[in-house]
Amino acid sequence: MRTVLVVGATGGIGSHLLPALLARGVRVRAVTRTPERAASLPVGVEPVLADLGEPRTHDTALRGVDAVFLNSPSAPDAADVQIRFAERVRQAAVPRLVLLSQYAARADSPVRFLRWHAAVESAVRGLGLAEWTVLRPNLFLQGLLNFAGPIRAHGRFGAAIGEAAVSAVDTRDIADAAAVVLTRPGHHARTYTLTGPRAVTHAEIARALSQATGSRITFADVSPADFAASLHRVLPPWQADGVVEDYAHYARGEAAEVHPDVADLTGGTARDLTDFARDHAAAFTTR
């Protein structure tokens, strides 16, 4: 039986990827940093305590593994940490690595996160791995859950994006696509761009949430300065500044293109904004 190691197992994608892999009949091993998180894993998943930033913990995690899904927590040194871990994957002679990157990653991007992802992609391509695949998802629909607080409290949310549309993707579709490339042949040296079935504006998001919750929810475009100030109240500076750059990228209309890769990989239609709104309505509803 094949063994797949999932790095980032308790995150928004990993939590959906674990059951998707179990359903495919493979042995699943999940990296966690604490025993408490290990205890929360689904039945049938083998936990392994490891930290991407601690190379001495990598050997146990990689021993006997046939494929690795590499996704790391957001951190200022995330690119360096992922590159070092990918090198350990090569040294351990793991046959397959699937890297989670980001839509439009490129070395000359004005968006720091896209530059960081491009650096990891470049390193992975140059390692000489037996098989590697890159997944580049667009803005996560589940990222809208970050607006749930102000929506519940005030019935509105804001961002510096104007009327630009983004082909946002559901994390469940990212997980389903990852499960395919981790367990089926034919994906070596491929880069897949994962998007939703259409590009949507934040005003359209507000209308979809309104319909799903039965409440009036509105969106307000805000200035980049005001958006940055709101983010700096809740995020560390490096992360807040990176999100501002992300949204400037969206506002320029650079993330609206729709790709068929989710459907091509999974054999099903990518989930729509309305699917997300229906399934997560409770998070946006005042109790």
Protein backbone atom coordinates (compact mmCIF):
# COMPACT_ATOMS: atom_id res chain seq x y z
CA MET A 1 0.00 0.00 0.00
CA ARG A 2 1.30 3.46 -0.94
CA THR A 3 2.06 5.94 1.85
CA VAL A 4 1.39 9.66 1.37
CA LEU A 5 2.83 12.25 3.75
CA VAL A 6 0.77 15.42 4.16
CA VAL A 7 2.58 18.52 5.38
CA GLY A 8 0.10 21.14 6.53
CA ALA A 9 -2.34 18.39 7.50
CA THR A 10 -4.47 20.40 9.93
CA GLY A 11 -4.86 23.48 7.73
CA GLY A 12 -7.69 24.49 5.46
CA ILE A 13 -6.55 22.25 2.61
CA GLY A 14 -4.99 19.43 4.61
CA SER A 15 -8.15 18.87 6.63
CA HIS A 16 -9.96 18.03 3.38
CA LEU A 17 -7.02 16.23 1.78
CA LEU A 18 -6.68 13.63 4.55
CA PRO A 19 -10.15 12.08 4.06
CA ALA A 20 -9.83 12.38 0.28
CA LEU A 21 -6.65 10.29 0.41
CA LEU A 22 -8.13 7.76 2.83
CA ALA A 23 -11.02 7.30 0.43
CA ARG A 24 -8.50 6.36 -2.26
CA GLY A 25 -7.20 3.49 -0.15
CA VAL A 26 -3.71 4.82 0.55
CA ARG A 27 -1.88 4.94 3.87
CA VAL A 28 -1.86 8.53 5.09
CA ARG A 29 0.76 10.05 7.37
CA ALA A 30 0.24 13.58 8.68
CA VAL A 31 2.85 16.01 9.98
CA THR A 32 1.79 17.81 13.14
CA ARG A 33 3.82 19.94 15.50
CA THR A 34 1.95 19.12 18.71
CA PRO A 35 0.34 16.03 20.29
CA GLU A 36 -2.88 18.03 20.65
CA ARG A 37 -3.16 18.49 16.90
CA ALA A 38 -2.24 14.85 16.35
CA ALA A 39 -5.18 13.83 18.51
CA SER A 40 -7.57 15.76 16.23
CA LEU A 41 -6.64 13.86 13.06
CA PRO A 42 -9.20 11.57 11.39
CA VAL A 43 -9.26 7.90 12.30
CA GLY A 44 -6.89 5.99 10.05
CA VAL A 45 -4.33 8.79 9.69
CA GLU A 46 -0.89 8.13 11.15
CA PRO A 47 0.40 11.22 13.00
CA VAL A 48 4.08 12.08 13.05
CA LEU A 49 5.44 14.88 15.21
CA ALA A 50 7.74 17.03 13.09
CA ASP A 51 8.55 20.65 12.36
CA LEU A 52 9.58 21.87 8.90
CA GLY A 53 12.05 24.19 10.56
CA GLU A 54 13.72 21.36 12.48
CA PRO A 55 15.62 19.06 10.05
CA ARG A 56 16.29 16.48 12.79
CA THR A 57 12.55 15.69 12.81
CA HIS A 58 12.31 15.04 9.07
CA ASP A 59 13.79 11.55 8.82
CA THR A 60 11.00 9.82 10.72
CA ALA A 61 8.35 11.70 8.77
CA LEU A 62 9.84 10.76 5.38
CA ARG A 63 10.79 7.15 6.08
CA GLY A 64 8.93 4.76 3.76
CA VAL A 65 6.95 7.50 2.06
CA ASP A 66 5.90 7.26 -1.61
CA ALA A 67 4.59 10.80 -2.08
CA VAL A 68 4.66 14.12 -0.21
CA PHE A 69 2.19 16.99 -0.24
CA LEU A 70 4.13 20.12 0.75
CA ASN A 71 2.25 23.05 2.21
CA SER A 72 3.64 25.08 5.08
CA PRO A 73 2.13 27.58 7.51
CA SER A 74 2.44 31.21 6.48
CA ALA A 75 5.62 32.65 7.96
CA PRO A 76 8.32 35.16 6.93
CA ASP A 77 10.76 32.31 6.23
CA ALA A 78 8.24 29.96 4.62
CA ALA A 79 10.06 29.85 1.28
CA ASP A 80 13.41 28.92 2.81
CA VAL A 81 11.78 26.31 5.05
CA GLN A 82 9.98 24.68 2.13
CA ILE A 83 13.10 24.64 -0.02
CA ARG A 84 15.09 22.94 2.73
CA PHE A 85 12.36 20.38 3.27
CA ALA A 86 12.13 19.68 -0.49
CA GLU A 87 15.86 18.99 -0.43
CA ARG A 88 15.29 16.46 2.37
CA VAL A 89 12.58 14.84 0.21
CA ARG A 90 15.17 14.36 -2.53
CA GLN A 91 17.77 13.02 -0.11
CA ALA A 92 15.24 10.52 1.23
CA ALA A 93 14.57 9.35 -2.35
CA VAL A 94 10.83 9.93 -2.06
CA PRO A 95 9.40 9.20 -5.54
CA ARG A 96 6.88 12.06 -5.75
CA LEU A 97 6.50 15.61 -4.44
CA VAL A 98 3.39 17.75 -4.90
CA LEU A 99 3.99 21.41 -4.05
CA LEU A 100 1.25 23.87 -3.15
CA SER A 101 2.10 27.22 -4.73
CA GLN A 102 -0.08 30.19 -5.72
CA TYR A 103 -1.83 31.50 -8.82
CA ALA A 104 0.45 33.76 -10.90
CA ALA A 105 3.62 32.95 -8.94
CA ARG A 106 6.60 34.55 -10.64
CA ALA A 107 10.02 35.77 -9.61
CA ASP A 108 9.46 39.38 -10.74
CA SER A 109 6.02 39.84 -9.17
CA PRO A 110 5.41 42.96 -7.04
CA VAL A 111 3.60 40.62 -4.61
CA ARG A 112 6.00 39.14 -2.07
CA PHE A 113 4.01 35.95 -1.60
CA LEU A 114 4.10 35.27 -5.34
CA ARG A 115 7.86 35.83 -5.40
CA TRP A 116 8.30 33.45 -2.47
CA HIS A 117 6.23 30.75 -4.15
CA ALA A 118 8.15 31.23 -7.40
CA ALA A 119 11.43 30.71 -5.54
CA VAL A 120 10.20 27.41 -4.09
CA GLU A 121 8.91 26.27 -7.48
CA SER A 122 12.27 27.03 -9.07
CA ALA A 123 14.12 25.11 -6.38
CA VAL A 124 11.83 22.09 -6.71
CA ARG A 125 12.24 22.00 -10.49
CA GLY A 126 16.01 22.00 -10.11
CA LEU A 127 16.30 19.25 -7.49
CA GLY A 128 16.20 16.32 -9.90
CA LEU A 129 13.24 14.65 -8.17
CA ALA A 130 11.82 11.53 -9.79
CA GLU A 131 8.36 13.16 -9.99
CA TRP A 132 7.15 16.61 -9.03
CA THR A 133 3.94 18.55 -9.59
CA VAL A 134 3.01 22.15 -8.77
CA LEU A 135 -0.51 23.24 -7.82
CA ARG A 136 -1.25 26.96 -8.16
CA PRO A 137 -4.61 27.78 -6.56
CA ASN A 138 -6.17 31.22 -6.78
CA LEU A 139 -7.71 33.10 -3.83
CA PHE A 140 -9.37 30.60 -1.47
CA LEU A 141 -13.14 31.05 -1.13
CA GLN A 142 -12.67 29.90 2.46
CA GLY A 143 -10.51 32.99 2.94
CA LEU A 144 -13.81 34.90 3.01
CA LEU A 145 -14.38 33.40 6.46
CA ASN A 146 -11.96 36.07 7.69
CA PHE A 147 -14.76 38.56 7.01
CA ALA A 148 -17.30 36.56 9.04
CA GLY A 149 -16.86 38.66 12.19
CA PRO A 150 -17.76 42.05 10.68
CA ILE A 151 -20.48 40.46 8.58
CA ARG A 152 -22.15 38.95 11.66
CA ALA A 153 -21.73 42.16 13.63
CA HIS A 154 -22.57 44.77 11.00
CA GLY A 155 -23.87 43.00 7.89
CA ARG A 156 -21.04 44.31 5.75
CA PHE A 157 -17.39 43.83 4.88
CA GLY A 158 -14.76 45.78 2.97
CA ALA A 159 -11.56 45.34 1.00
CA ALA A 160 -9.41 47.31 -1.43
CA ILE A 161 -10.43 45.56 -4.63
CA GLY A 162 -13.04 47.72 -6.37
CA GLU A 163 -15.07 45.93 -9.02
CA ALA A 164 -12.31 43.50 -10.02
CA ALA A 165 -13.31 39.87 -10.39
CA VAL A 166 -11.29 36.92 -9.06
CA SER A 167 -11.66 33.26 -10.09
CA ALA A 168 -11.59 32.20 -6.43
CA VAL A 169 -11.42 28.47 -5.70
CA ASP A 170 -12.87 26.28 -2.96
CA THR A 171 -10.25 24.59 -0.77
CA ARG A 172 -12.20 21.34 -1.10
CA ASP A 173 -11.46 21.38 -4.83
CA ILE A 174 -7.79 22.04 -4.15
CA ALA A 175 -7.74 19.00 -1.87
CA ASP A 176 -9.52 16.83 -4.43
CA ALA A 177 -7.06 17.86 -7.13
CA ALA A 178 -4.11 17.20 -4.84
CA ALA A 179 -5.44 13.73 -3.99
CA VAL A 180 -5.46 12.89 -7.69
CA VAL A 181 -1.90 13.98 -8.44
CA LEU A 182 -0.61 12.32 -5.28
CA THR A 183 -2.08 8.93 -6.16
CA ARG A 184 -2.25 8.70 -9.95
CA PRO A 185 0.55 8.66 -12.54
CA GLY A 186 0.99 11.10 -15.39
CA HIS A 187 1.57 14.40 -13.57
CA HIS A 188 5.36 14.70 -13.54
CA ALA A 189 6.71 18.18 -14.32
CA ARG A 190 3.20 19.59 -14.62
CA THR A 191 1.93 22.87 -13.18
CA TYR A 192 -1.82 23.11 -12.63
CA THR A 193 -3.68 26.37 -12.06
CA LEU A 194 -6.69 25.80 -9.82
CA THR A 195 -9.60 28.23 -10.04
CA GLY A 196 -13.32 28.31 -9.56
CA PRO A 197 -15.70 27.95 -12.52
CA ARG A 198 -16.08 31.74 -12.92
CA ALA A 199 -14.57 34.99 -11.77
CA VAL A 200 -16.62 36.85 -9.16
CA THR A 201 -16.52 40.34 -7.67
CA HIS A 202 -16.78 41.04 -3.96
CA ALA A 203 -20.17 42.64 -4.61
CA GLU A 204 -21.29 39.32 -6.11
CA ILE A 205 -19.88 37.57 -3.05
CA ALA A 206 -22.01 39.82 -0.83
CA ARG A 207 -25.13 38.97 -2.85
CA ALA A 208 -24.41 35.22 -2.68
CA LEU A 209 -23.92 35.40 1.08
CA SER A 210 -27.11 37.44 1.43
CA GLN A 211 -29.09 34.80 -0.43
CA ALA A 212 -27.54 31.93 1.53
CA THR A 213 -28.06 33.53 4.95
CA GLY A 214 -31.35 35.29 4.34
CA SER A 215 -29.76 38.50 5.61
CA ARG A 216 -28.73 41.68 3.85
CA ILE A 217 -24.94 41.68 3.47
CA THR A 218 -23.15 44.46 1.63
CA PHE A 219 -19.62 45.03 0.38
CA ALA A 220 -17.79 48.37 0.51
CA ASP A 221 -14.67 49.11 -1.48
CA VAL A 222 -12.14 50.79 0.80
CA SER A 223 -8.92 52.63 0.10
CA PRO A 224 -5.66 50.66 0.19
CA ALA A 225 -4.56 52.77 3.18
CA ASP A 226 -7.70 52.00 5.18
CA PHE A 227 -7.51 48.33 4.21
CA ALA A 228 -3.88 48.18 5.31
CA ALA A 229 -4.73 49.84 8.63
CA SER A 230 -7.45 47.28 9.33
CA LEU A 231 -5.10 44.40 8.55
CA HIS A 232 -2.30 45.80 10.70
CA ARG A 233 -4.65 45.68 13.67
CA VAL A 234 -4.95 41.89 13.44
CA LEU A 235 -1.87 40.61 11.55
CA PRO A 236 1.90 40.94 11.94
CA PRO A 237 3.35 43.64 9.65
CA TRP A 238 4.96 41.29 7.11
CA GLN A 239 1.68 39.39 6.66
CA ALA A 240 -0.55 42.46 6.57
CA ASP A 241 1.66 44.09 3.94
CA GLY A 242 1.64 40.88 1.91
CA VAL A 243 -2.17 40.69 1.94
CA VAL A 244 -2.34 44.32 0.80
CA GLU A 245 -0.08 43.40 -2.12
CA ASP A 246 -2.28 40.37 -2.87
CA TYR A 247 -5.39 42.55 -3.04
CA ALA A 248 -3.65 45.12 -5.22
CA HIS A 249 -2.89 42.22 -7.58
CA TYR A 250 -6.58 41.26 -7.57
CA ALA A 251 -7.66 44.88 -8.04
CA ARG A 252 -5.51 45.15 -11.17
CA GLY A 253 -7.58 42.35 -12.71
CA GLU A 254 -4.65 39.92 -12.72
CA ALA A 255 -6.51 37.02 -11.08
CA ALA A 256 -9.68 36.73 -13.14
CA GLU A 257 -8.72 34.07 -15.64
CA VAL A 258 -10.60 30.77 -15.30
CA HIS A 259 -8.71 27.52 -15.82
CA PRO A 260 -10.20 24.04 -16.41
CA ASP A 261 -7.61 22.14 -14.33
CA VAL A 262 -9.90 21.32 -11.39
CA ALA A 263 -12.44 19.69 -13.68
CA ASP A 264 -9.74 18.02 -15.79
CA LEU A 265 -8.09 16.49 -12.72
CA THR A 266 -11.13 15.53 -10.66
CA GLY A 267 -13.64 14.76 -13.38
CA GLY A 268 -16.19 17.05 -11.72
CA THR A 269 -17.17 20.71 -11.97
CA ALA A 270 -15.34 23.09 -9.65
CA ARG A 271 -17.48 24.33 -6.79
CA ASP A 272 -19.11 27.71 -7.36
CA LEU A 273 -19.34 30.70 -5.03
CA THR A 274 -22.96 29.76 -4.41
CA ASP A 275 -21.88 26.30 -3.21
CA PHE A 276 -19.44 27.88 -0.76
CA ALA A 277 -22.04 30.38 0.47
CA ARG A 278 -24.65 27.66 1.04
CA ASP A 279 -22.26 25.31 2.83
CA HIS A 280 -20.77 28.02 5.08
CA ALA A 281 -23.86 30.17 5.66
CA ALA A 282 -23.84 29.50 9.41
CA ALA A 283 -20.45 31.20 9.78
CA PHE A 284 -21.89 34.46 8.44
CA THR A 285 -25.19 34.33 10.31
CA THR A 286 -25.83 36.20 13.54
CA ARG A 287 -26.74 33.74 16.28
